Amino acid sequence: MRLPLEIKELFEDWLRTHRPDRADRVLSLIRQMRGGKLYDSEFGSRMRGEGPLALLLSQRFATATKRLGLNRVRNRLDTSKFRVPDEARLVLSDAKRDTRQLRLL
């Protein structure tokens, strides 16, 4: 979770308004993964947490993606199967013959 600049204050206000019973716990968990801060602006570390809680979340995410078949190698897109529809071909050929058209096509 990224909470840069004034976003961290907005998030904390929202959390305390809408989930007052969980606000301290949520903020504590975020700080545990950010070295005591709500946001770390350093590139490379700002998008990932550190410590045992971050490791646990990473392992749970990896397990879930494996179980659901996500992050697998997908087939490459074969563009040879695409073609211009016949109606569009007529429009394109008419536009090329029409000298009043701009030469964009």
PDB file of N, CA and C in Angstrom:
ATOM      1  N   MET A   1       0.845  -1.169   0.000  1.00  0.00           N
ATOM      2  CA  MET A   1       0.000   0.000   0.000  1.00  0.00           C
ATOM      3  C   MET A   1       0.889   1.230   0.000  1.00  0.00           C
ATOM      4  N   ARG A   2       0.613   2.141  -0.920  1.00  0.00           N
ATOM      5  CA  ARG A   2       1.388   3.378  -0.988  1.00  0.00           C
ATOM      6  C   ARG A   2       0.562   4.516  -0.413  1.00  0.00           C
ATOM      7  N   LEU A   3       1.153   5.258   0.491  1.00  0.00           N
ATOM      8  CA  LEU A   3       0.477   6.384   1.131  1.00  0.00           C
ATOM      9  C   LEU A   3       1.355   7.639   1.074  1.00  0.00           C
ATOM     10  N   PRO A   4       1.648   8.138  -0.132  1.00  0.00           N
ATOM     11  CA  PRO A   4       2.527   9.299  -0.242  1.00  0.00           C
ATOM     12  C   PRO A   4       1.837  10.610   0.149  1.00  0.00           C
ATOM     13  N   LEU A   5       2.670  11.591   0.486  1.00  0.00           N
ATOM     14  CA  LEU A   5       2.245  12.966   0.758  1.00  0.00           C
ATOM     15  C   LEU A   5       1.015  13.021   1.662  1.00  0.00           C
ATOM     16  N   GLU A   6      -0.009  13.773   1.216  1.00  0.00           N
ATOM     17  CA  GLU A   6      -1.190  13.954   2.063  1.00  0.00           C
ATOM     18  C   GLU A   6      -2.122  12.745   2.056  1.00  0.00           C
ATOM     19  N   ILE A   7      -1.857  11.750   1.222  1.00  0.00           N
ATOM     20  CA  ILE A   7      -2.708  10.566   1.150  1.00  0.00           C
ATOM     21  C   ILE A   7      -2.703   9.815   2.483  1.00  0.00           C
ATOM     22  N   LYS A   8      -1.553   9.779   3.144  1.00  0.00           N
ATOM     23  CA  LYS A   8      -1.511   9.052   4.427  1.00  0.00           C
ATOM     24  C   LYS A   8      -2.444   9.672   5.459  1.00  0.00           C
ATOM     25  N   GLU A   9      -2.533  11.008   5.481  1.00  0.00           N
ATOM     26  CA  GLU A   9      -3.461  11.657   6.418  1.00  0.00           C
ATOM     27  C   GLU A   9      -4.912  11.399   6.025  1.00  0.00           C
ATOM     28  N   LEU A  10      -5.197  11.456   4.721  1.00  0.00           N
ATOM     29  CA  LEU A  10      -6.555  11.166   4.248  1.00  0.00           C
ATOM     30  C   LEU A  10      -6.956   9.735   4.598  1.00  0.00           C
ATOM     31  N   PHE A  11      -6.027   8.796   4.367  1.00  0.00           N
ATOM     32  CA  PHE A  11      -6.308   7.403   4.670  1.00  0.00           C
ATOM     33  C   PHE A  11      -6.552   7.207   6.160  1.00  0.00           C
ATOM     34  N   GLU A  12      -5.708   7.803   6.977  1.00  0.00           N
ATOM     35  CA  GLU A  12      -5.865   7.649   8.425  1.00  0.00           C
ATOM     36  C   GLU A  12      -7.176   8.254   8.899  1.00  0.00           C
ATOM     37  N   ASP A  13      -7.536   9.437   8.380  1.00  0.00           N
ATOM     38  CA  ASP A  13      -8.822  10.049   8.746  1.00  0.00           C
ATOM     39  C   ASP A  13      -9.991   9.168   8.324  1.00  0.00           C
ATOM     40  N   TRP A  14      -9.918   8.640   7.092  1.00  0.00           N
ATOM     41  CA  TRP A  14     -10.986   7.769   6.595  1.00  0.00           C
ATOM     42  C   TRP A  14     -11.098   6.523   7.476  1.00  0.00           C
ATOM     43  N   LEU A  15      -9.951   5.935   7.782  1.00  0.00           N
ATOM     44  CA  LEU A  15      -9.921   4.714   8.590  1.00  0.00           C
ATOM     45  C   LEU A  15     -10.515   4.956   9.975  1.00  0.00           C
ATOM     46  N   ARG A  16     -10.132   6.057  10.585  1.00  0.00           N
ATOM     47  CA  ARG A  16     -10.634   6.354  11.934  1.00  0.00           C
ATOM     48  C   ARG A  16     -12.127   6.698  11.916  1.00  0.00           C
ATOM     49  N   THR A  17     -12.623   7.219  10.791  1.00  0.00           N
ATOM     50  CA  THR A  17     -14.040   7.537  10.667  1.00  0.00           C
ATOM     51  C   THR A  17     -14.877   6.297  10.380  1.00  0.00           C
ATOM     52  N   HIS A  18     -14.407   5.467   9.437  1.00  0.00           N
ATOM     53  CA  HIS A  18     -15.210   4.341   8.965  1.00  0.00           C
ATOM     54  C   HIS A  18     -14.916   3.017   9.674  1.00  0.00           C
ATOM     55  N   ARG A  19     -13.748   2.861  10.209  1.00  0.00           N
ATOM     56  CA  ARG A  19     -13.354   1.628  10.904  1.00  0.00           C
ATOM     57  C   ARG A  19     -12.584   1.965  12.185  1.00  0.00           C
ATOM     58  N   PRO A  20     -13.199   2.702  13.086  1.00  0.00           N
ATOM     59  CA  PRO A  20     -12.461   3.136  14.288  1.00  0.00           C
ATOM     60  C   PRO A  20     -11.971   1.965  15.146  1.00  0.00           C
ATOM     61  N   ASP A  21     -12.689   0.850  15.104  1.00  0.00           N
ATOM     62  CA  ASP A  21     -12.282  -0.308  15.902  1.00  0.00           C
ATOM     63  C   ASP A  21     -11.043  -0.995  15.342  1.00  0.00           C
ATOM     64  N   ARG A  22     -10.739  -0.773  14.061  1.00  0.00           N
ATOM     65  CA  ARG A  22      -9.595  -1.434  13.421  1.00  0.00           C
ATOM     66  C   ARG A  22      -8.461  -0.478  13.063  1.00  0.00           C
ATOM     67  N   ALA A  23      -8.683   0.801  13.192  1.00  0.00           N
ATOM     68  CA  ALA A  23      -7.723   1.800  12.704  1.00  0.00           C
ATOM     69  C   ALA A  23      -6.331   1.610  13.296  1.00  0.00           C
ATOM     70  N   ASP A  24      -6.219   1.505  14.603  1.00  0.00           N
ATOM     71  CA  ASP A  24      -4.898   1.368  15.228  1.00  0.00           C
ATOM     72  C   ASP A  24      -4.200   0.096  14.773  1.00  0.00           C
ATOM     73  N   ARG A  25      -4.943  -0.981  14.644  1.00  0.00           N
ATOM     74  CA  ARG A  25      -4.355  -2.260  14.212  1.00  0.00           C
ATOM     75  C   ARG A  25      -3.855  -2.173  12.771  1.00  0.00           C
ATOM     76  N   VAL A  26      -4.657  -1.610  11.869  1.00  0.00           N
ATOM     77  CA  VAL A  26      -4.265  -1.483  10.460  1.00  0.00           C
ATOM     78  C   VAL A  26      -3.032  -0.597  10.335  1.00  0.00           C
ATOM     79  N   LEU A  27      -3.035   0.540  10.994  1.00  0.00           N
ATOM     80  CA  LEU A  27      -1.892   1.444  10.932  1.00  0.00           C
ATOM     81  C   LEU A  27      -0.643   0.796  11.519  1.00  0.00           C
ATOM     82  N   SER A  28      -0.818   0.022  12.574  1.00  0.00           N
ATOM     83  CA  SER A  28       0.312  -0.683  13.175  1.00  0.00           C
ATOM     84  C   SER A  28       0.894  -1.710  12.205  1.00  0.00           C
ATOM     85  N   LEU A  29       0.039  -2.451  11.519  1.00  0.00           N
ATOM     86  CA  LEU A  29       0.517  -3.450  10.560  1.00  0.00           C
ATOM     87  C   LEU A  29       1.288  -2.794   9.419  1.00  0.00           C
ATOM     88  N   ILE A  30       0.780  -1.670   8.931  1.00  0.00           N
ATOM     89  CA  ILE A  30       1.482  -0.952   7.853  1.00  0.00           C
ATOM     90  C   ILE A  30       2.853  -0.492   8.346  1.00  0.00           C
ATOM     91  N   ARG A  31       2.894   0.071   9.545  1.00  0.00           N
ATOM     92  CA  ARG A  31       4.173   0.546  10.099  1.00  0.00           C
ATOM     93  C   ARG A  31       5.159  -0.602  10.323  1.00  0.00           C
ATOM     94  N   GLN A  32       4.655  -1.780  10.701  1.00  0.00           N
ATOM     95  CA  GLN A  32       5.537  -2.934  10.904  1.00  0.00           C
ATOM     96  C   GLN A  32       6.245  -3.335   9.618  1.00  0.00           C
ATOM     97  N   MET A  33       5.585  -3.114   8.487  1.00  0.00           N
ATOM     98  CA  MET A  33       6.189  -3.491   7.203  1.00  0.00           C
ATOM     99  C   MET A  33       6.984  -2.349   6.576  1.00  0.00           C
ATOM    100  N   ARG A  34       6.946  -1.182   7.167  1.00  0.00           N
ATOM    101  CA  ARG A  34       7.609   0.001   6.611  1.00  0.00           C
ATOM    102  C   ARG A  34       8.660   0.592   7.548  1.00  0.00           C
ATOM    103  N   GLY A  35       9.184  -0.196   8.424  1.00  0.00           N
ATOM    104  CA  GLY A  35      10.218   0.307   9.326  1.00  0.00           C
ATOM    105  C   GLY A  35       9.729   1.404  10.248  1.00  0.00           C
ATOM    106  N   GLY A  36       8.465   1.321  10.669  1.00  0.00           N
ATOM    107  CA  GLY A  36       7.912   2.290  11.608  1.00  0.00           C
ATOM    108  C   GLY A  36       7.207   3.467  10.961  1.00  0.00           C
ATOM    109  N   LYS A  37       7.238   3.551   9.627  1.00  0.00           N
ATOM    110  CA  LYS A  37       6.599   4.673   8.926  1.00  0.00           C
ATOM    111  C   LYS A  37       5.374   4.174   8.167  1.00  0.00           C
ATOM    112  N   LEU A  38       4.463   5.106   7.861  1.00  0.00           N
ATOM    113  CA  LEU A  38       3.316   4.748   7.032  1.00  0.00           C
ATOM    114  C   LEU A  38       3.700   4.706   5.557  1.00  0.00           C
ATOM    115  N   TYR A  39       4.769   5.400   5.183  1.00  0.00           N
ATOM    116  CA  TYR A  39       5.169   5.439   3.786  1.00  0.00           C
ATOM    117  C   TYR A  39       6.676   5.573   3.682  1.00  0.00           C
ATOM    118  N   ASP A  40       7.248   4.814   2.781  1.00  0.00           N
ATOM    119  CA  ASP A  40       8.681   4.887   2.502  1.00  0.00           C
ATOM    120  C   ASP A  40       8.830   5.345   1.056  1.00  0.00           C
ATOM    121  N   SER A  41       9.400   6.510   0.832  1.00  0.00           N
ATOM    122  CA  SER A  41       9.470   7.076  -0.515  1.00  0.00           C
ATOM    123  C   SER A  41      10.640   6.548  -1.332  1.00  0.00           C
ATOM    124  N   GLU A  42      11.481   5.726  -0.748  1.00  0.00           N
ATOM    125  CA  GLU A  42      12.651   5.228  -1.470  1.00  0.00           C
ATOM    126  C   GLU A  42      12.243   4.256  -2.576  1.00  0.00           C
ATOM    127  N   PHE A  43      12.750   4.543  -3.793  1.00  0.00           N
ATOM    128  CA  PHE A  43      12.429   3.692  -4.933  1.00  0.00           C
ATOM    129  C   PHE A  43      12.935   2.272  -4.678  1.00  0.00           C
ATOM    130  N   GLY A  44      12.120   1.295  -5.037  1.00  0.00           N
ATOM    131  CA  GLY A  44      12.496  -0.090  -4.846  1.00  0.00           C
ATOM    132  C   GLY A  44      11.963  -0.678  -3.550  1.00  0.00           C
ATOM    133  N   SER A  45      11.842   0.146  -2.525  1.00  0.00           N
ATOM    134  CA  SER A  45      11.297  -0.369  -1.269  1.00  0.00           C
ATOM    135  C   SER A  45       9.895   0.168  -0.999  1.00  0.00           C
ATOM    136  N   ARG A  46       9.498   1.204  -1.718  1.00  0.00           N
ATOM    137  CA  ARG A  46       8.192   1.802  -1.437  1.00  0.00           C
ATOM    138  C   ARG A  46       7.013   0.942  -1.902  1.00  0.00           C
ATOM    139  N   MET A  47       7.268   0.007  -2.806  1.00  0.00           N
ATOM    140  CA  MET A  47       6.187  -0.842  -3.289  1.00  0.00           C
ATOM    141  C   MET A  47       6.144  -2.202  -2.598  1.00  0.00           C
ATOM    142  N   ARG A  48       7.047  -2.442  -1.703  1.00  0.00           N
ATOM    143  CA  ARG A  48       7.054  -3.730  -1.009  1.00  0.00           C
ATOM    144  C   ARG A  48       7.440  -3.518   0.446  1.00  0.00           C
ATOM    145  N   GLY A  49       6.882  -4.334   1.274  1.00  0.00           N
ATOM    146  CA  GLY A  49       7.186  -4.243   2.694  1.00  0.00           C
ATOM    147  C   GLY A  49       8.381  -5.113   3.043  1.00  0.00           C
ATOM    148  N   GLU A  50       8.730  -5.079   4.303  1.00  0.00           N
ATOM    149  CA  GLU A  50       9.824  -5.922   4.778  1.00  0.00           C
ATOM    150  C   GLU A  50       9.449  -6.477   6.143  1.00  0.00           C
ATOM    151  N   GLY A  51      10.118  -7.532   6.510  1.00  0.00           N
ATOM    152  CA  GLY A  51       9.856  -8.139   7.807  1.00  0.00           C
ATOM    153  C   GLY A  51       8.977  -9.369   7.701  1.00  0.00           C
ATOM    154  N   PRO A  52       8.679  -9.984   8.847  1.00  0.00           N
ATOM    155  CA  PRO A  52       7.947 -11.253   8.855  1.00  0.00           C
ATOM    156  C   PRO A  52       6.528 -11.145   8.296  1.00  0.00           C
ATOM    157  N   LEU A  53       5.845 -10.049   8.556  1.00  0.00           N
ATOM    158  CA  LEU A  53       4.482  -9.903   8.049  1.00  0.00           C
ATOM    159  C   LEU A  53       4.468  -9.786   6.529  1.00  0.00           C
ATOM    160  N   ALA A  54       5.398  -9.020   5.974  1.00  0.00           N
ATOM    161  CA  ALA A  54       5.491  -8.885   4.515  1.00  0.00           C
ATOM    162  C   ALA A  54       5.830 -10.222   3.875  1.00  0.00           C
ATOM    163  N   LEU A  55       6.714 -10.976   4.499  1.00  0.00           N
ATOM    164  CA  LEU A  55       7.075 -12.305   3.985  1.00  0.00           C
ATOM    165  C   LEU A  55       5.862 -13.235   4.007  1.00  0.00           C
ATOM    166  N   LEU A  56       5.097 -13.200   5.084  1.00  0.00           N
ATOM    167  CA  LEU A  56       3.899 -14.031   5.188  1.00  0.00           C
ATOM    168  C   LEU A  56       2.894 -13.682   4.090  1.00  0.00           C
ATOM    169  N   LEU A  57       2.657 -12.387   3.865  1.00  0.00           N
ATOM    170  CA  LEU A  57       1.728 -11.968   2.817  1.00  0.00           C
ATOM    171  C   LEU A  57       2.227 -12.387   1.440  1.00  0.00           C
ATOM    172  N   SER A  58       3.516 -12.275   1.214  1.00  0.00           N
ATOM    173  CA  SER A  58       4.099 -12.683  -0.062  1.00  0.00           C
ATOM    174  C   SER A  58       3.903 -14.185  -0.294  1.00  0.00           C
ATOM    175  N   GLN A  59       4.126 -14.982   0.735  1.00  0.00           N
ATOM    176  CA  GLN A  59       3.944 -16.433   0.611  1.00  0.00           C
ATOM    177  C   GLN A  59       2.479 -16.787   0.373  1.00  0.00           C
ATOM    178  N   ARG A  60       1.580 -16.110   1.063  1.00  0.00           N
ATOM    179  CA  ARG A  60       0.144 -16.365   0.850  1.00  0.00           C
ATOM    180  C   ARG A  60      -0.268 -15.996  -0.576  1.00  0.00           C
ATOM    181  N   PHE A  61       0.242 -14.885  -1.075  1.00  0.00           N
ATOM    182  CA  PHE A  61      -0.078 -14.458  -2.440  1.00  0.00           C
ATOM    183  C   PHE A  61       0.463 -15.471  -3.449  1.00  0.00           C
ATOM    184  N   ALA A  62       1.686 -15.927  -3.263  1.00  0.00           N
ATOM    185  CA  ALA A  62       2.278 -16.914  -4.177  1.00  0.00           C
ATOM    186  C   ALA A  62       1.480 -18.216  -4.162  1.00  0.00           C
ATOM    187  N   THR A  63       1.046 -18.644  -2.991  1.00  0.00           N
ATOM    188  CA  THR A  63       0.248 -19.865  -2.879  1.00  0.00           C
ATOM    189  C   THR A  63      -1.091 -19.707  -3.597  1.00  0.00           C
ATOM    190  N   ALA A  64      -1.737 -18.571  -3.408  1.00  0.00           N
ATOM    191  CA  ALA A  64      -3.041 -18.333  -4.038  1.00  0.00           C
ATOM    192  C   ALA A  64      -2.912 -18.260  -5.561  1.00  0.00           C
ATOM    193  N   THR A  65      -1.892 -17.568  -6.070  1.00  0.00           N
ATOM    194  CA  THR A  65      -1.737 -17.468  -7.526  1.00  0.00           C
ATOM    195  C   THR A  65      -1.440 -18.830  -8.137  1.00  0.00           C
ATOM    196  N   LYS A  66      -0.682 -19.650  -7.440  1.00  0.00           N
ATOM    197  CA  LYS A  66      -0.390 -21.001  -7.929  1.00  0.00           C
ATOM    198  C   LYS A  66      -1.662 -21.849  -7.922  1.00  0.00           C
ATOM    199  N   ARG A  67      -2.414 -21.786  -6.841  1.00  0.00           N
ATOM    200  CA  ARG A  67      -3.648 -22.567  -6.718  1.00  0.00           C
ATOM    201  C   ARG A  67      -4.673 -22.173  -7.772  1.00  0.00           C
ATOM    202  N   LEU A  68      -4.746 -20.872  -8.095  1.00  0.00           N
ATOM    203  CA  LEU A  68      -5.733 -20.378  -9.057  1.00  0.00           C
ATOM    204  C   LEU A  68      -5.228 -20.417 -10.500  1.00  0.00           C
ATOM    205  N   GLY A  69      -3.991 -20.838 -10.693  1.00  0.00           N
ATOM    206  CA  GLY A  69      -3.461 -20.933 -12.052  1.00  0.00           C
ATOM    207  C   GLY A  69      -3.075 -19.591 -12.654  1.00  0.00           C
ATOM    208  N   LEU A  70      -2.809 -18.614 -11.818  1.00  0.00           N
ATOM    209  CA  LEU A  70      -2.381 -17.304 -12.303  1.00  0.00           C
ATOM    210  C   LEU A  70      -0.863 -17.300 -12.449  1.00  0.00           C
ATOM    211  N   ASN A  71      -0.325 -16.300 -13.092  1.00  0.00           N
ATOM    212  CA  ASN A  71       1.120 -16.149 -13.300  1.00  0.00           C
ATOM    213  C   ASN A  71       1.723 -17.319 -14.070  1.00  0.00           C
ATOM    214  N   ARG A  72       0.931 -17.925 -14.918  1.00  0.00           N
ATOM    215  CA  ARG A  72       1.468 -19.006 -15.742  1.00  0.00           C
ATOM    216  C   ARG A  72       1.813 -18.455 -17.113  1.00  0.00           C
ATOM    217  N   VAL A  73       2.574 -19.190 -17.868  1.00  0.00           N
ATOM    218  CA  VAL A  73       2.955 -18.754 -19.206  1.00  0.00           C
ATOM    219  C   VAL A  73       1.723 -18.834 -20.096  1.00  0.00           C
ATOM    220  N   ARG A  74       1.465 -17.768 -20.784  1.00  0.00           N
ATOM    221  CA  ARG A  74       0.307 -17.720 -21.682  1.00  0.00           C
ATOM    222  C   ARG A  74       0.769 -17.823 -23.123  1.00  0.00           C
ATOM    223  N   ASN A  75      -0.152 -18.204 -23.981  1.00  0.00           N
ATOM    224  CA  ASN A  75       0.166 -18.277 -25.405  1.00  0.00           C
ATOM    225  C   ASN A  75       0.446 -16.885 -25.956  1.00  0.00           C
ATOM    226  N   ARG A  76       1.341 -16.831 -26.893  1.00  0.00           N
ATOM    227  CA  ARG A  76       1.660 -15.560 -27.528  1.00  0.00           C
ATOM    228  C   ARG A  76       0.534 -15.171 -28.474  1.00  0.00           C
ATOM    229  N   LEU A  77       0.348 -13.905 -28.662  1.00  0.00           N
ATOM    230  CA  LEU A  77      -0.674 -13.391 -29.560  1.00  0.00           C
ATOM    231  C   LEU A  77      -0.246 -13.632 -31.003  1.00  0.00           C
ATOM    232  N   ASP A  78      -1.100 -14.280 -31.780  1.00  0.00           N
ATOM    233  CA  ASP A  78      -0.824 -14.562 -33.193  1.00  0.00           C
ATOM    234  C   ASP A  78      -1.563 -13.538 -34.036  1.00  0.00           C
ATOM    235  N   THR A  79      -0.868 -12.502 -34.475  1.00  0.00           N
ATOM    236  CA  THR A  79      -1.510 -11.424 -35.233  1.00  0.00           C
ATOM    237  C   THR A  79      -1.842 -11.810 -36.668  1.00  0.00           C
ATOM    238  N   SER A  80      -1.341 -12.965 -37.131  1.00  0.00           N
ATOM    239  CA  SER A  80      -1.664 -13.388 -38.495  1.00  0.00           C
ATOM    240  C   SER A  80      -3.139 -13.767 -38.624  1.00  0.00           C
ATOM    241  N   LYS A  81      -3.825 -13.965 -37.521  1.00  0.00           N
ATOM    242  CA  LYS A  81      -5.242 -14.336 -37.538  1.00  0.00           C
ATOM    243  C   LYS A  81      -6.163 -13.116 -37.680  1.00  0.00           C
ATOM    244  N   PHE A  82      -5.622 -11.935 -37.571  1.00  0.00           N
ATOM    245  CA  PHE A  82      -6.424 -10.720 -37.692  1.00  0.00           C
ATOM    246  C   PHE A  82      -6.442 -10.255 -39.139  1.00  0.00           C
ATOM    247  N   ARG A  83      -7.580  -9.705 -39.549  1.00  0.00           N
ATOM    248  CA  ARG A  83      -7.674  -9.137 -40.892  1.00  0.00           C
ATOM    249  C   ARG A  83      -8.613  -7.944 -40.848  1.00  0.00           C
ATOM    250  N   VAL A  84      -8.493  -7.076 -41.827  1.00  0.00           N
ATOM    251  CA  VAL A  84      -9.363  -5.913 -41.923  1.00  0.00           C
ATOM    252  C   VAL A  84     -10.731  -6.387 -42.415  1.00  0.00           C
ATOM    253  N   PRO A  85     -11.823  -6.015 -41.746  1.00  0.00           N
ATOM    254  CA  PRO A  85     -13.154  -6.424 -42.199  1.00  0.00           C
ATOM    255  C   PRO A  85     -13.441  -5.904 -43.611  1.00  0.00           C
ATOM    256  N   ASP A  86     -14.250  -6.638 -44.366  1.00  0.00           N
ATOM    257  CA  ASP A  86     -14.555  -6.272 -45.755  1.00  0.00           C
ATOM    258  C   ASP A  86     -15.136  -4.868 -45.859  1.00  0.00           C
ATOM    259  N   GLU A  87     -16.041  -4.508 -44.932  1.00  0.00           N
ATOM    260  CA  GLU A  87     -16.646  -3.170 -44.980  1.00  0.00           C
ATOM    261  C   GLU A  87     -15.586  -2.087 -44.842  1.00  0.00           C
ATOM    262  N   ALA A  88     -14.627  -2.314 -43.980  1.00  0.00           N
ATOM    263  CA  ALA A  88     -13.565  -1.327 -43.769  1.00  0.00           C
ATOM    264  C   ALA A  88     -12.650  -1.260 -44.978  1.00  0.00           C
ATOM    265  N   ARG A  89     -12.430  -2.377 -45.660  1.00  0.00           N
ATOM    266  CA  ARG A  89     -11.602  -2.366 -46.871  1.00  0.00           C
ATOM    267  C   ARG A  89     -12.195  -1.476 -47.939  1.00  0.00           C
ATOM    268  N   LEU A  90     -13.519  -1.557 -48.101  1.00  0.00           N
ATOM    269  CA  LEU A  90     -14.185  -0.711 -49.097  1.00  0.00           C
ATOM    270  C   LEU A  90     -14.025   0.761 -48.742  1.00  0.00           C
ATOM    271  N   VAL A  91     -14.209   1.088 -47.481  1.00  0.00           N
ATOM    272  CA  VAL A  91     -14.060   2.478 -47.041  1.00  0.00           C
ATOM    273  C   VAL A  91     -12.632   2.951 -47.278  1.00  0.00           C
ATOM    274  N   LEU A  92     -11.644   2.112 -46.965  1.00  0.00           N
ATOM    275  CA  LEU A  92     -10.241   2.485 -47.164  1.00  0.00           C
ATOM    276  C   LEU A  92      -9.929   2.682 -48.645  1.00  0.00           C
ATOM    277  N   SER A  93     -10.413   1.785 -49.504  1.00  0.00           N
ATOM    278  CA  SER A  93     -10.105   1.919 -50.928  1.00  0.00           C
ATOM    279  C   SER A  93     -10.818   3.125 -51.515  1.00  0.00           C
ATOM    280  N   ASP A  94     -12.052   3.433 -51.068  1.00  0.00           N
ATOM    281  CA  ASP A  94     -12.756   4.628 -51.532  1.00  0.00           C
ATOM    282  C   ASP A  94     -12.026   5.892 -51.083  1.00  0.00           C
ATOM    283  N   ALA A  95     -11.524   5.905 -49.865  1.00  0.00           N
ATOM    284  CA  ALA A  95     -10.817   7.074 -49.349  1.00  0.00           C
ATOM    285  C   ALA A  95      -9.530   7.310 -50.115  1.00  0.00           C
ATOM    286  N   LYS A  96      -8.860   6.252 -50.541  1.00  0.00           N
ATOM    287  CA  LYS A  96      -7.614   6.406 -51.302  1.00  0.00           C
ATOM    288  C   LYS A  96      -7.885   6.956 -52.687  1.00  0.00           C
ATOM    289  N   ARG A  97      -9.047   6.614 -53.269  1.00  0.00           N
ATOM    290  CA  ARG A  97      -9.390   7.125 -54.601  1.00  0.00           C
ATOM    291  C   ARG A  97      -9.907   8.551 -54.542  1.00  0.00           C
ATOM    292  N   ASP A  98     -10.454   8.957 -53.408  1.00  0.00           N
ATOM    293  CA  ASP A  98     -11.036  10.292 -53.279  1.00  0.00           C
ATOM    294  C   ASP A  98      -9.918  11.308 -53.051  1.00  0.00           C
ATOM    295  N   THR A  99      -9.665  12.152 -54.014  1.00  0.00           N
ATOM    296  CA  THR A  99      -8.549  13.111 -53.915  1.00  0.00           C
ATOM    297  C   THR A  99      -8.858  14.238 -52.942  1.00  0.00           C
ATOM    298  N   ARG A 100     -10.132  14.393 -52.534  1.00  0.00           N
ATOM    299  CA  ARG A 100     -10.462  15.444 -51.584  1.00  0.00           C
ATOM    300  C   ARG A 100     -10.064  15.040 -50.148  1.00  0.00           C
ATOM    301  N   GLN A 101      -9.847  13.781 -49.919  1.00  0.00           N
ATOM    302  CA  GLN A 101      -9.475  13.301 -48.580  1.00  0.00           C
ATOM    303  C   GLN A 101      -8.038  13.672 -48.281  1.00  0.00           C
ATOM    304  N   LEU A 102      -7.769  13.910 -47.026  1.00  0.00           N
ATOM    305  CA  LEU A 102      -6.376  14.081 -46.616  1.00  0.00           C
ATOM    306  C   LEU A 102      -5.664  12.745 -46.775  1.00  0.00           C
ATOM    307  N   ARG A 103      -4.420  12.777 -47.044  1.00  0.00           N
ATOM    308  CA  ARG A 103      -3.655  11.546 -47.280  1.00  0.00           C
ATOM    309  C   ARG A 103      -3.184  10.931 -45.963  1.00  0.00           C
ATOM    310  N   LEU A 104      -4.122  10.613 -45.098  1.00  0.00           N
ATOM    311  CA  LEU A 104      -3.769  10.017 -43.813  1.00  0.00           C
ATOM    312  C   LEU A 104      -3.738   8.498 -43.884  1.00  0.00           C
ATOM    313  N   LEU A 105      -4.469   7.920 -44.833  1.00  0.00           N
ATOM    314  CA  LEU A 105      -4.562   6.462 -44.900  1.00  0.00           C
ATOM    315  C   LEU A 105      -3.639   5.890 -45.943  1.00  0.00           C
TER     316      LEU A 105
END
